[in-house]
Amino acid sequence: MAAIYVVLVLFLAVFVAGLILLIMAAINFDFSNSEIPPGVNEPMKLRIIHVMLIIVAVVGKILEKIGICSQISFVRYMQGIKALGADQKLIIEDLWFEKVPIRIYQPKALSAIPRRGVMFFHGGGWVFGSLETHESLCRSLARGSESVVVSVGYRLAPEHKYPAAYEDCLNATVHFMRNAEHYGVDPARISVCGDSAGGNLAAAVSQTLAGRPDLPRLRAQILIYPILQALDFNLPSYKQNQGVPLLFQERAAFYVLQYLNGNASNLEEVLEGSHIPIDIRLNYRKWVSEDYIPDKFKVRGYKPHVLLDCSTEVYETVKRFCEPNLCPLLAEDAVVHQLPESFILTCEYDVLRDDGLLYKKRLEDNGVRVTWCHLEDGFHGIINSFNSEWLSFPSGKRGLDNIV
């Protein structure tokens, strides 16, 4: 019995030591492939957050290798364990809108007039994120703006490929718009809002509803560092910030491929720009081009990328990247012209910065009023850090205040 106990202790010690070595190796690898620019305030906090994410990912990979659970499942589980208690100012309830799980946040205080409504779509690259990961943000939006906020738990990739997430967000929004008065909301004061991949979904839903005569017009779209195209991952911001946490250039392409195909088999071609034929790329250069990025955003050593052609086989696997429901930046002017007043938040040290800048230009060119908030020292995901006791950033709070 004692011998078995000794063997078990030794096995556990070896396992723990191996786990620590693997984590340290992953962290060292990340440090050599990542960069935190001097313009980021409190860089050590960002590095700590990034290391924490790496540790979770590495442990998840180990659990996957030994057959306990998939890495994606483990990361999702770890993201969702931050349970919050009751809120003194909000009534919070979990419901279903058209078979889509939602969480609704309603201010307890009485209102003399119907409230604003906000449909919120969480970020996470269409692969991660949940009602739980954005709970603090949705509570703050509801309290700060005295609005009824509806957070949508849409289906995730790679289990559910495009257009599952888009369809869930659209169906939940239409349901809410048709039943807004039941929740004390003015149907004419409903906005869509989302961060990162959620910003993509908000933009796509907004475009779809722009021409719907059977529904009230959306009051606004609120896009928080959105990903809006997948034609060019070599725009200035993608090259300048390719190794800046919390979203690398490679990860951005990986996530959009997971959403589209449920795999990332064409990741190399997407990163180098050889996934879309040159003639199609040239056709979209009127909307997706470094030429429309203001010069002040190109000063950090950007060099134009050479266009590469692609094979028919590769294009066949990603040709839906040209659909506006997946890449809203490619919508026709006739659609963009009908869009509601817009708020766009971008961060200087974010690969997705230029997606937001290009969409801002498209909206303004089509006569849509745009409020733009640019966080000069911000990075991707900074808004979600606003409520962290030790790892918050002033820019995150400033950005949230602007959104409210």
Protein backbone atom coordinates (compact mmCIF):
# COMPACT_ATOMS: atom_id res chain seq x y z
CA MET A 1 0.00 0.00 0.00
CA ALA A 2 2.82 2.36 0.91
CA ALA A 3 4.55 1.59 -2.40
CA ILE A 4 1.39 2.48 -4.35
CA TYR A 5 1.12 5.73 -2.40
CA VAL A 6 4.74 6.60 -3.24
CA VAL A 7 4.17 5.84 -6.93
CA LEU A 8 1.06 8.03 -7.00
CA VAL A 9 2.89 10.91 -5.33
CA LEU A 10 5.78 10.59 -7.77
CA PHE A 11 3.38 10.47 -10.72
CA LEU A 12 1.58 13.57 -9.48
CA ALA A 13 4.88 15.37 -8.93
CA VAL A 14 6.09 14.51 -12.44
CA PHE A 15 2.75 15.57 -13.92
CA VAL A 16 2.77 18.91 -12.10
CA ALA A 17 6.41 19.53 -13.03
CA GLY A 18 5.69 18.72 -16.65
CA LEU A 19 2.66 20.99 -16.62
CA ILE A 20 4.71 23.86 -15.21
CA LEU A 21 7.43 23.32 -17.82
CA LEU A 22 4.86 23.28 -20.62
CA ILE A 23 3.26 26.47 -19.35
CA MET A 24 6.63 28.17 -18.99
CA ALA A 25 7.59 27.08 -22.51
CA ALA A 26 4.32 28.47 -23.88
CA ILE A 27 4.82 31.75 -22.05
CA ASN A 28 8.39 32.07 -23.29
CA PHE A 29 7.24 31.32 -26.83
CA ASP A 30 4.52 33.94 -26.51
CA PHE A 31 6.94 36.55 -25.18
CA SER A 32 9.20 36.03 -28.20
CA ASN A 33 6.25 36.37 -30.61
CA SER A 34 4.33 39.19 -28.95
CA GLU A 35 4.91 42.88 -28.48
CA ILE A 36 3.43 45.49 -26.20
CA PRO A 37 3.99 48.91 -27.80
CA PRO A 38 5.34 51.79 -25.69
CA GLY A 39 2.06 53.67 -26.15
CA VAL A 40 0.09 51.19 -24.03
CA ASN A 41 -0.39 52.47 -20.50
CA GLU A 42 0.40 50.01 -17.69
CA PRO A 43 1.92 47.38 -20.01
CA MET A 44 2.59 44.96 -17.16
CA LYS A 45 -1.15 44.60 -16.52
CA LEU A 46 -1.71 43.68 -20.16
CA ARG A 47 1.13 41.17 -19.99
CA ILE A 48 -0.38 39.58 -16.86
CA ILE A 49 -3.80 39.26 -18.50
CA HIS A 50 -2.19 37.70 -21.56
CA VAL A 51 -0.19 35.21 -19.50
CA MET A 52 -3.36 34.18 -17.66
CA LEU A 53 -5.05 33.48 -20.98
CA ILE A 54 -2.04 31.47 -22.17
CA ILE A 55 -2.09 29.33 -19.03
CA VAL A 56 -5.76 28.50 -19.50
CA ALA A 57 -5.15 27.64 -23.16
CA VAL A 58 -2.16 25.40 -22.34
CA VAL A 59 -3.98 23.54 -19.57
CA GLY A 60 -6.92 23.07 -21.95
CA LYS A 61 -4.60 21.63 -24.59
CA ILE A 62 -3.12 19.18 -22.07
CA LEU A 63 -6.61 18.07 -20.99
CA GLU A 64 -7.50 17.57 -24.64
CA LYS A 65 -4.37 15.47 -25.26
CA ILE A 66 -5.15 13.13 -22.36
CA GLY A 67 -8.78 12.79 -23.40
CA ILE A 68 -10.55 14.61 -20.58
CA CYS A 69 -12.16 17.41 -22.60
CA SER A 70 -11.50 19.60 -25.61
CA GLN A 71 -9.41 22.74 -25.28
CA ILE A 72 -12.32 24.87 -26.48
CA SER A 73 -14.65 23.38 -23.86
CA PHE A 74 -12.15 24.02 -21.07
CA VAL A 75 -11.51 27.62 -22.11
CA ARG A 76 -15.26 28.26 -22.34
CA TYR A 77 -15.74 26.74 -18.88
CA MET A 78 -13.01 28.89 -17.35
CA GLN A 79 -14.42 32.03 -18.98
CA GLY A 80 -17.88 31.39 -17.58
CA ILE A 81 -17.16 30.83 -13.88
CA LYS A 82 -17.25 34.50 -12.85
CA ALA A 83 -20.72 34.35 -11.33
CA LEU A 84 -22.11 37.67 -10.07
CA GLY A 85 -24.73 38.10 -7.39
CA ALA A 86 -28.00 39.97 -7.52
CA ASP A 87 -27.98 43.59 -8.67
CA GLN A 88 -29.68 46.19 -6.50
CA LYS A 89 -30.66 48.34 -9.48
CA LEU A 90 -31.58 45.70 -12.08
CA ILE A 91 -34.04 42.88 -12.63
CA ILE A 92 -32.09 40.15 -14.44
CA GLU A 93 -33.85 37.24 -16.08
CA ASP A 94 -32.88 34.39 -18.42
CA LEU A 95 -35.39 33.81 -21.23
CA TRP A 96 -35.62 32.44 -24.76
CA PHE A 97 -36.38 34.55 -27.85
CA GLU A 98 -37.19 32.35 -30.87
CA LYS A 99 -35.26 29.38 -29.42
CA VAL A 100 -32.27 31.64 -28.69
CA PRO A 101 -31.16 32.00 -25.04
CA ILE A 102 -31.07 35.60 -23.87
CA ARG A 103 -30.46 37.44 -20.61
CA ILE A 104 -32.47 40.60 -20.10
CA TYR A 105 -31.45 43.44 -17.78
CA GLN A 106 -34.27 45.79 -16.75
CA PRO A 107 -33.80 48.80 -14.44
CA LYS A 108 -35.88 48.46 -11.28
CA ALA A 109 -36.62 52.18 -11.04
CA LEU A 110 -39.90 53.28 -12.54
CA SER A 111 -39.78 55.33 -15.74
CA ALA A 112 -42.38 57.88 -16.83
CA ILE A 113 -41.74 57.01 -20.48
CA PRO A 114 -40.81 53.81 -22.33
CA ARG A 115 -37.09 53.06 -22.04
CA ARG A 116 -34.39 52.58 -24.61
CA GLY A 117 -33.66 49.01 -25.67
CA VAL A 118 -30.22 47.59 -26.47
CA MET A 119 -29.62 44.26 -28.17
CA PHE A 120 -26.12 43.16 -27.13
CA PHE A 121 -24.02 40.58 -28.98
CA HIS A 122 -20.89 39.42 -27.14
CA GLY A 123 -17.43 39.08 -28.62
CA GLY A 124 -15.09 36.11 -28.52
CA GLY A 125 -14.29 35.40 -32.17
CA TRP A 126 -17.61 33.56 -32.68
CA VAL A 127 -15.87 30.67 -30.84
CA PHE A 128 -15.76 31.91 -27.26
CA GLY A 129 -17.81 34.31 -25.15
CA SER A 130 -21.19 33.82 -23.51
CA LEU A 131 -23.88 35.51 -21.46
CA GLU A 132 -21.54 35.12 -18.47
CA THR A 133 -18.38 36.61 -20.01
CA HIS A 134 -20.15 39.91 -20.72
CA GLU A 135 -22.36 40.00 -17.64
CA SER A 136 -20.53 42.91 -15.99
CA LEU A 137 -20.51 44.93 -19.21
CA CYS A 138 -24.23 44.42 -19.84
CA ARG A 139 -25.07 45.37 -16.25
CA SER A 140 -23.05 48.55 -16.59
CA LEU A 141 -24.72 49.42 -19.89
CA ALA A 142 -28.17 48.90 -18.41
CA ARG A 143 -27.44 50.90 -15.25
CA GLY A 144 -25.46 53.67 -16.90
CA SER A 145 -27.86 54.35 -19.76
CA GLU A 146 -31.03 53.36 -17.88
CA SER A 147 -31.85 51.04 -20.76
CA VAL A 148 -33.28 47.55 -21.08
CA VAL A 149 -30.37 45.44 -22.32
CA VAL A 150 -30.88 42.06 -23.99
CA SER A 151 -27.73 39.92 -24.15
CA VAL A 152 -27.91 37.18 -26.80
CA GLY A 153 -26.38 33.73 -26.24
CA TYR A 154 -25.96 32.85 -29.90
CA ARG A 155 -24.61 29.51 -31.14
CA LEU A 156 -20.83 29.26 -31.33
CA ALA A 157 -18.36 27.97 -33.90
CA PRO A 158 -16.87 25.59 -34.83
CA GLU A 159 -19.86 23.46 -33.80
CA HIS A 160 -22.22 25.91 -35.48
CA LYS A 161 -20.85 27.50 -38.62
CA TYR A 162 -21.88 30.71 -40.38
CA PRO A 163 -24.62 31.88 -40.58
CA ALA A 164 -25.80 30.33 -37.27
CA ALA A 165 -24.59 33.18 -35.01
CA TYR A 166 -25.93 35.82 -37.38
CA GLU A 167 -29.32 34.11 -37.64
CA ASP A 168 -29.64 33.79 -33.86
CA CYS A 169 -28.86 37.48 -33.35
CA LEU A 170 -31.24 38.52 -36.12
CA ASN A 171 -34.11 36.34 -34.87
CA ALA A 172 -33.69 37.49 -31.26
CA THR A 173 -33.63 41.13 -32.37
CA VAL A 174 -36.76 40.82 -34.50
CA HIS A 175 -38.56 39.11 -31.62
CA PHE A 176 -37.61 41.90 -29.22
CA MET A 177 -38.60 44.63 -31.67
CA ARG A 178 -42.03 43.05 -32.08
CA ASN A 179 -42.50 42.65 -28.33
CA ALA A 180 -40.65 45.72 -27.04
CA GLU A 181 -43.64 47.28 -25.31
CA HIS A 182 -44.05 44.16 -23.16
CA TYR A 183 -40.66 45.03 -21.63
CA GLY A 184 -41.40 48.74 -21.25
CA VAL A 185 -39.28 49.66 -24.27
CA ASP A 186 -40.05 52.19 -26.99
CA PRO A 187 -39.86 50.26 -30.32
CA ALA A 188 -38.41 53.39 -31.96
CA ARG A 189 -35.49 53.54 -29.50
CA ILE A 190 -33.89 50.12 -29.95
CA SER A 191 -30.18 49.87 -30.79
CA VAL A 192 -27.88 46.96 -31.60
CA CYS A 193 -24.49 46.75 -29.89
CA GLY A 194 -21.56 44.36 -29.85
CA ASP A 195 -17.82 44.06 -29.31
CA SER A 196 -15.34 42.40 -31.71
CA ALA A 197 -17.20 39.48 -33.33
CA GLY A 198 -20.31 40.85 -31.64
CA GLY A 199 -19.69 44.13 -33.46
CA ASN A 200 -19.64 42.15 -36.69
CA LEU A 201 -23.01 40.62 -35.81
CA ALA A 202 -24.47 43.98 -34.81
CA ALA A 203 -23.41 45.51 -38.14
CA ALA A 204 -24.83 42.55 -40.10
CA VAL A 205 -28.14 42.64 -38.24
CA SER A 206 -28.37 46.40 -38.69
CA GLN A 207 -27.87 46.05 -42.44
CA THR A 208 -30.48 43.31 -42.71
CA LEU A 209 -33.08 45.34 -40.82
CA ALA A 210 -32.34 48.58 -42.70
CA GLY A 211 -34.82 47.76 -45.45
CA ARG A 212 -37.49 45.98 -43.41
CA PRO A 213 -40.80 47.86 -43.81
CA ASP A 214 -42.57 45.61 -41.29
CA LEU A 215 -40.38 46.68 -38.35
CA PRO A 216 -39.49 49.96 -36.66
CA ARG A 217 -36.21 51.54 -37.78
CA LEU A 218 -33.28 50.80 -35.48
CA ARG A 219 -32.28 53.84 -33.44
CA ALA A 220 -28.53 53.19 -33.66
CA GLN A 221 -25.73 50.67 -34.08
CA ILE A 222 -22.91 50.62 -31.53
CA LEU A 223 -19.81 48.84 -32.81
CA ILE A 224 -16.98 48.22 -30.35
CA TYR A 225 -13.70 47.37 -32.15
CA PRO A 226 -15.63 45.30 -34.72
CA ILE A 227 -14.24 42.85 -37.26
CA LEU A 228 -15.95 43.78 -40.52
CA GLN A 229 -14.07 42.12 -43.38
CA ALA A 230 -11.96 39.08 -44.21
CA LEU A 231 -10.52 40.09 -47.58
CA ASP A 232 -7.36 41.78 -46.31
CA PHE A 233 -5.51 40.83 -43.14
CA ASN A 234 -2.56 43.00 -44.20
CA LEU A 235 -4.07 46.44 -43.71
CA PRO A 236 -1.83 48.80 -41.69
CA SER A 237 -3.35 47.91 -38.31
CA TYR A 238 -2.98 44.17 -38.95
CA LYS A 239 0.72 44.55 -39.72
CA GLN A 240 1.51 47.14 -37.05
CA ASN A 241 -0.27 45.23 -34.28
CA GLN A 242 0.17 41.65 -35.48
CA GLY A 243 1.77 40.57 -32.20
CA VAL A 244 -0.04 42.87 -29.76
CA PRO A 245 -2.20 41.13 -27.13
CA LEU A 246 -5.01 40.38 -26.75
CA LEU A 247 -5.70 39.62 -30.43
CA PHE A 248 -2.93 38.64 -32.81
CA GLN A 249 -3.23 38.92 -36.59
CA GLU A 250 -3.08 35.14 -36.88
CA ARG A 251 -5.85 34.68 -34.28
CA ALA A 252 -8.17 37.09 -36.06
CA ALA A 253 -7.88 35.09 -39.28
CA PHE A 254 -8.17 31.81 -37.36
CA TYR A 255 -11.44 32.86 -35.73
CA VAL A 256 -13.13 34.03 -38.90
CA LEU A 257 -12.20 30.73 -40.59
CA GLN A 258 -13.64 28.81 -37.64
CA TYR A 259 -16.85 30.78 -38.03
CA LEU A 260 -16.98 30.22 -41.79
CA ASN A 261 -15.87 26.61 -42.20
CA GLY A 262 -15.50 25.14 -38.72
CA ASN A 263 -11.75 24.78 -39.32
CA ALA A 264 -8.70 26.86 -40.20
CA SER A 265 -7.29 24.76 -43.03
CA ASN A 266 -6.68 27.81 -45.24
CA LEU A 267 -5.12 29.98 -42.54
CA GLU A 268 -1.80 30.48 -44.34
CA GLU A 269 -3.48 31.64 -47.55
CA VAL A 270 -5.77 34.04 -45.67
CA LEU A 271 -2.85 35.58 -43.79
CA GLU A 272 -0.78 36.14 -46.91
CA GLY A 273 -3.77 37.37 -48.91
CA SER A 274 -3.87 34.58 -51.48
CA HIS A 275 -7.43 33.44 -50.67
CA ILE A 276 -9.33 35.92 -52.87
CA PRO A 277 -8.69 36.32 -56.65
CA ILE A 278 -6.97 39.57 -57.58
CA ASP A 279 -9.84 40.73 -59.80
CA ILE A 280 -12.31 40.41 -56.92
CA ARG A 281 -9.90 42.12 -54.52
CA LEU A 282 -9.49 44.99 -56.98
CA ASN A 283 -13.26 45.28 -57.30
CA TYR A 284 -13.54 45.78 -53.53
CA ARG A 285 -10.59 48.17 -53.24
CA LYS A 286 -13.11 51.02 -53.41
CA TRP A 287 -14.05 49.97 -49.86
CA VAL A 288 -11.19 47.80 -48.51
CA SER A 289 -7.87 49.52 -49.09
CA GLU A 290 -5.03 51.11 -47.15
CA ASP A 291 -5.57 54.15 -49.39
CA TYR A 292 -8.57 55.11 -47.23
CA ILE A 293 -6.71 54.86 -43.94
CA PRO A 294 -5.58 58.34 -42.82
CA ASP A 295 -1.81 58.81 -43.07
CA LYS A 296 -1.41 59.39 -39.34
CA PHE A 297 -2.31 55.74 -38.78
CA LYS A 298 0.47 54.51 -41.09
CA VAL A 299 3.45 56.09 -39.37
CA ARG A 300 4.43 53.03 -37.34
CA GLY A 301 6.46 51.41 -40.10
CA TYR A 302 3.69 50.19 -42.39
CA LYS A 303 4.67 48.91 -45.84
CA PRO A 304 2.02 48.18 -48.51
CA HIS A 305 1.31 44.50 -49.11
CA VAL A 306 1.77 42.98 -52.56
CA LEU A 307 -1.44 41.46 -53.98
CA LEU A 308 -1.22 37.70 -54.49
CA ASP A 309 -3.49 35.61 -56.66
CA CYS A 310 -5.17 32.46 -55.41
CA SER A 311 -6.17 29.04 -56.65
CA THR A 312 -9.75 28.17 -57.53
CA GLU A 313 -9.74 25.46 -54.85
CA VAL A 314 -8.86 27.88 -52.06
CA TYR A 315 -11.37 30.50 -53.20
CA GLU A 316 -14.16 27.91 -53.29
CA THR A 317 -13.66 27.27 -49.57
CA VAL A 318 -13.78 30.96 -48.56
CA LYS A 319 -15.88 32.67 -51.25
CA ARG A 320 -18.61 33.45 -48.70
CA PHE A 321 -16.20 36.04 -47.28
CA CYS A 322 -17.74 38.27 -49.96
CA GLU A 323 -21.18 38.08 -48.33
CA PRO A 324 -22.12 41.22 -46.35
CA ASN A 325 -23.81 39.13 -43.63
CA LEU A 326 -20.33 37.79 -42.86
CA CYS A 327 -18.30 40.84 -43.88
CA PRO A 328 -20.51 43.95 -43.46
CA LEU A 329 -17.89 46.29 -44.92
CA LEU A 330 -18.79 44.84 -48.34
CA ALA A 331 -22.44 45.89 -48.32
CA GLU A 332 -23.65 47.95 -51.25
CA ASP A 333 -24.08 51.71 -50.89
CA ALA A 334 -27.86 51.34 -51.23
CA VAL A 335 -27.84 49.38 -47.96
CA VAL A 336 -25.26 51.48 -46.11
CA HIS A 337 -27.20 54.63 -46.97
CA GLN A 338 -30.19 53.33 -44.97
CA LEU A 339 -28.27 52.53 -41.79
CA PRO A 340 -29.08 54.29 -38.52
CA GLU A 341 -26.89 56.68 -36.57
CA SER A 342 -23.70 54.87 -35.61
CA PHE A 343 -21.12 54.77 -32.83
CA ILE A 344 -17.76 53.15 -33.58
CA LEU A 345 -15.01 52.57 -31.02
CA THR A 346 -11.50 51.75 -32.21
CA CYS A 347 -8.18 51.19 -30.41
CA GLU A 348 -4.79 52.26 -31.72
CA TYR A 349 -3.06 48.99 -30.76
CA ASP A 350 -5.68 46.65 -32.21
CA VAL A 351 -5.44 44.64 -35.43
CA LEU A 352 -9.11 45.47 -36.06
CA ARG A 353 -8.57 49.24 -35.90
CA ASP A 354 -8.67 49.72 -39.66
CA ASP A 355 -11.88 47.72 -40.09
CA GLY A 356 -13.56 50.34 -37.92
CA LEU A 357 -11.88 53.24 -39.74
CA LEU A 358 -12.93 51.94 -43.15
CA TYR A 359 -16.52 51.41 -42.04
CA LYS A 360 -16.59 54.87 -40.51
CA LYS A 361 -15.64 56.31 -43.90
CA ARG A 362 -18.25 54.22 -45.72
CA LEU A 363 -20.99 55.36 -43.36
CA GLU A 364 -19.99 59.02 -43.61
CA ASP A 365 -19.71 58.83 -47.40
CA ASN A 366 -23.31 57.60 -47.43
CA GLY A 367 -24.63 60.37 -45.20
CA VAL A 368 -24.87 58.36 -41.98
CA ARG A 369 -24.06 60.26 -38.81
CA VAL A 370 -21.12 58.67 -36.98
CA THR A 371 -19.79 59.23 -33.49
CA TRP A 372 -16.22 57.94 -33.36
CA CYS A 373 -14.31 57.14 -30.18
CA HIS A 374 -10.65 56.27 -30.64
CA LEU A 375 -8.61 55.08 -27.65
CA GLU A 376 -5.06 56.21 -28.40
CA ASP A 377 -3.58 53.86 -25.81
CA GLY A 378 -6.20 51.12 -26.20
CA PHE A 379 -5.83 47.49 -27.24
CA HIS A 380 -8.31 44.83 -28.32
CA GLY A 381 -10.60 43.71 -25.51
CA ILE A 382 -9.86 46.67 -23.24
CA ILE A 383 -13.53 47.46 -22.56
CA ASN A 384 -14.02 44.11 -20.79
CA SER A 385 -11.31 45.02 -18.29
CA PHE A 386 -13.16 48.06 -16.93
CA ASN A 387 -14.54 46.23 -13.89
CA SER A 388 -11.42 44.29 -12.90
CA GLU A 389 -10.26 45.22 -9.40
CA TRP A 390 -6.53 44.94 -10.13
CA LEU A 391 -6.28 44.68 -13.91
CA SER A 392 -8.40 47.58 -15.13
CA PHE A 393 -7.23 50.34 -17.48
CA PRO A 394 -8.32 53.99 -17.52
CA SER A 395 -8.93 53.73 -21.28
CA GLY A 396 -11.36 50.88 -20.74
CA LYS A 397 -13.44 52.96 -18.35
CA ARG A 398 -13.23 55.97 -20.66
CA GLY A 399 -14.40 53.87 -23.58
CA LEU A 400 -17.34 52.46 -21.62
CA ASP A 401 -18.36 55.97 -20.53
CA ASN A 402 -18.41 57.02 -24.18
CA ILE A 403 -20.53 54.01 -25.12
CA VAL A 404 -23.04 54.78 -22.36
